[in-house]
Amino acid sequence: MNAILLTIILIPALEIYLFIEIGGKIGALYTISLIFLTAVIGIYYAKYEGFNTLKSGMGQLMENEIPIYEIVSGAALAFAALLLIIPGFATDLIGFLMIFPPTRKLIFNKFSTKISKEKKINEDFIEGESEDIDDKK
């Protein structure tokens, strides 16, 4: 089964389960209030971190460096803000983990080492051109 299709099915099922469980423990009104509160706090903090990332990226541009981390970090912050807007506790948890700089750096380091390992595998090959030589001249 396709991983994207499985994710599209499992995330809402997990969110519904969490809504039922948490709503049963603290009540429906508090659950709805908590969803709105996490969205507002998350969007505010995403905006704050976004400005910090933009400021850091501009500083690197002034030093004639390419702000690669800031570009990827800005995209991650936009995705985290989207996850925080979507109602749900699991998406909020993932969104908050992506917003905080220490966890964001851990996630990036994990993916960057995975990509660099894949790149090292491809570096073992020698690229070149070949030409067929016919024996009939």
Protein backbone atom coordinates (compact mmCIF):
# COMPACT_ATOMS: atom_id res chain seq x y z
CA MET A 1 0.00 0.00 0.00
CA ASN A 2 1.22 3.47 -0.81
CA ALA A 3 2.76 5.28 2.20
CA ILE A 4 0.97 8.55 1.41
CA LEU A 5 -2.42 6.83 1.21
CA LEU A 6 -1.73 5.02 4.46
CA THR A 7 -0.77 8.32 6.12
CA ILE A 8 -3.92 10.02 4.84
CA ILE A 9 -6.01 7.25 6.42
CA LEU A 10 -4.10 6.78 9.68
CA ILE A 11 -3.62 10.41 10.78
CA PRO A 12 -7.33 11.30 10.89
CA ALA A 13 -8.09 7.98 12.62
CA LEU A 14 -5.44 8.76 15.25
CA GLU A 15 -6.78 12.28 15.68
CA ILE A 16 -10.36 11.02 16.16
CA TYR A 17 -9.14 8.50 18.72
CA LEU A 18 -7.26 11.20 20.62
CA PHE A 19 -10.28 13.54 20.50
CA ILE A 20 -12.47 10.84 22.03
CA GLU A 21 -9.97 9.85 24.71
CA ILE A 22 -8.98 13.37 25.74
CA GLY A 23 -12.58 14.60 25.48
CA GLY A 24 -13.67 11.79 27.76
CA LYS A 25 -11.06 12.77 30.35
CA ILE A 26 -11.36 16.57 30.40
CA GLY A 27 -14.69 17.24 28.67
CA ALA A 28 -15.71 18.46 25.25
CA LEU A 29 -15.51 22.20 25.95
CA TYR A 30 -11.99 21.97 27.38
CA THR A 31 -10.91 19.77 24.49
CA ILE A 32 -12.13 22.29 21.92
CA SER A 33 -10.54 25.14 23.90
CA LEU A 34 -7.26 23.24 24.03
CA ILE A 35 -7.32 22.74 20.24
CA PHE A 36 -7.81 26.48 19.66
CA LEU A 37 -5.20 27.38 22.27
CA THR A 38 -2.53 25.15 20.73
CA ALA A 39 -3.31 26.59 17.29
CA VAL A 40 -2.98 30.20 18.48
CA ILE A 41 0.19 29.58 20.51
CA GLY A 42 1.71 27.52 17.71
CA ILE A 43 1.02 30.11 15.02
CA TYR A 44 2.43 32.88 17.18
CA TYR A 45 5.60 30.92 17.95
CA ALA A 46 5.95 29.85 14.31
CA LYS A 47 5.78 33.52 13.32
CA TYR A 48 8.42 34.38 15.92
CA GLU A 49 10.75 31.59 14.79
CA GLY A 50 10.11 32.48 11.16
CA PHE A 51 11.30 36.03 11.74
CA ASN A 52 14.38 34.71 13.55
CA THR A 53 15.12 32.39 10.64
CA LEU A 54 14.62 35.22 8.15
CA LYS A 55 16.95 37.46 10.16
CA SER A 56 19.60 34.73 10.29
CA GLY A 57 19.25 34.11 6.55
CA MET A 58 19.63 37.79 5.77
CA GLY A 59 22.75 37.90 7.93
CA GLN A 60 24.25 35.03 5.96
CA LEU A 61 23.38 36.71 2.68
CA MET A 62 25.17 39.86 3.88
CA GLU A 63 28.26 37.70 4.46
CA ASN A 64 27.92 36.27 0.91
CA GLU A 65 27.03 32.80 2.19
CA ILE A 66 24.19 30.62 0.97
CA PRO A 67 21.57 30.26 3.74
CA ILE A 68 20.73 26.61 3.04
CA TYR A 69 19.76 25.75 6.62
CA GLU A 70 17.56 28.83 6.85
CA ILE A 71 15.77 27.98 3.60
CA VAL A 72 15.01 24.46 4.75
CA SER A 73 14.16 25.72 8.22
CA GLY A 74 11.71 28.26 6.78
CA ALA A 75 9.97 25.54 4.80
CA ALA A 76 9.80 23.36 7.91
CA LEU A 77 8.31 26.25 9.89
CA ALA A 78 5.65 26.80 7.24
CA PHE A 79 4.78 23.09 7.35
CA ALA A 80 4.75 23.16 11.16
CA ALA A 81 2.38 26.13 11.12
CA LEU A 82 0.08 24.19 8.78
CA LEU A 83 0.15 21.22 11.14
CA LEU A 84 -0.73 23.49 14.06
CA ILE A 85 -3.68 24.99 12.20
CA ILE A 86 -5.11 21.54 11.45
CA PRO A 87 -7.22 20.52 14.46
CA GLY A 88 -5.72 17.59 16.31
CA PHE A 89 -3.33 16.64 19.04
CA ALA A 90 -0.95 14.42 17.07
CA THR A 91 -0.46 17.04 14.34
CA ASP A 92 0.05 19.69 17.04
CA LEU A 93 2.75 17.57 18.66
CA ILE A 94 4.57 17.12 15.36
CA GLY A 95 4.14 20.82 14.59
CA PHE A 96 5.56 21.90 17.95
CA LEU A 97 8.51 19.54 17.54
CA MET A 98 9.27 21.12 14.17
CA ILE A 99 8.98 24.67 15.51
CA PHE A 100 11.47 24.38 18.36
CA PRO A 101 15.03 24.88 17.04
CA PRO A 102 16.75 22.04 18.96
CA THR A 103 14.35 19.37 17.74
CA ARG A 104 14.32 20.86 14.25
CA LYS A 105 18.13 20.60 14.13
CA LEU A 106 17.96 16.97 15.30
CA ILE A 107 15.49 16.15 12.53
CA PHE A 108 17.61 17.92 9.92
CA ASN A 109 20.79 16.20 11.07
CA LYS A 110 19.11 12.81 10.84
CA PHE A 111 17.93 13.46 7.28
CA SER A 112 21.20 15.08 6.20
CA THR A 113 23.26 12.10 7.37
CA LYS A 114 20.86 9.78 5.55
CA ILE A 115 21.22 11.80 2.35
CA SER A 116 25.01 12.00 2.70
CA LYS A 117 25.19 8.21 3.15
CA GLU A 118 23.18 7.75 -0.05
CA LYS A 119 25.50 10.19 -1.80
CA LYS A 120 28.59 8.24 -0.68
CA ILE A 121 27.16 5.11 -2.25
CA ASN A 122 26.87 6.91 -5.57
CA GLU A 123 30.43 8.27 -5.32
CA ASP A 124 31.85 4.76 -5.81
CA PHE A 125 30.94 4.85 -9.48
CA ILE A 126 33.11 6.35 -12.16
CA GLU A 127 31.27 8.24 -14.84
CA GLY A 128 32.53 8.20 -18.38
CA GLU A 129 31.62 7.78 -22.00
CA SER A 130 31.89 4.69 -24.09
CA GLU A 131 32.10 4.16 -27.79
CA ASP A 132 31.37 0.99 -29.75
CA ILE A 133 34.20 -0.04 -32.04
CA ASP A 134 33.29 -2.14 -35.02
CA ASP A 135 35.70 -4.81 -36.21
CA LYS A 136 34.59 -4.24 -39.80
CA LYS A 137 36.55 -1.40 -41.36
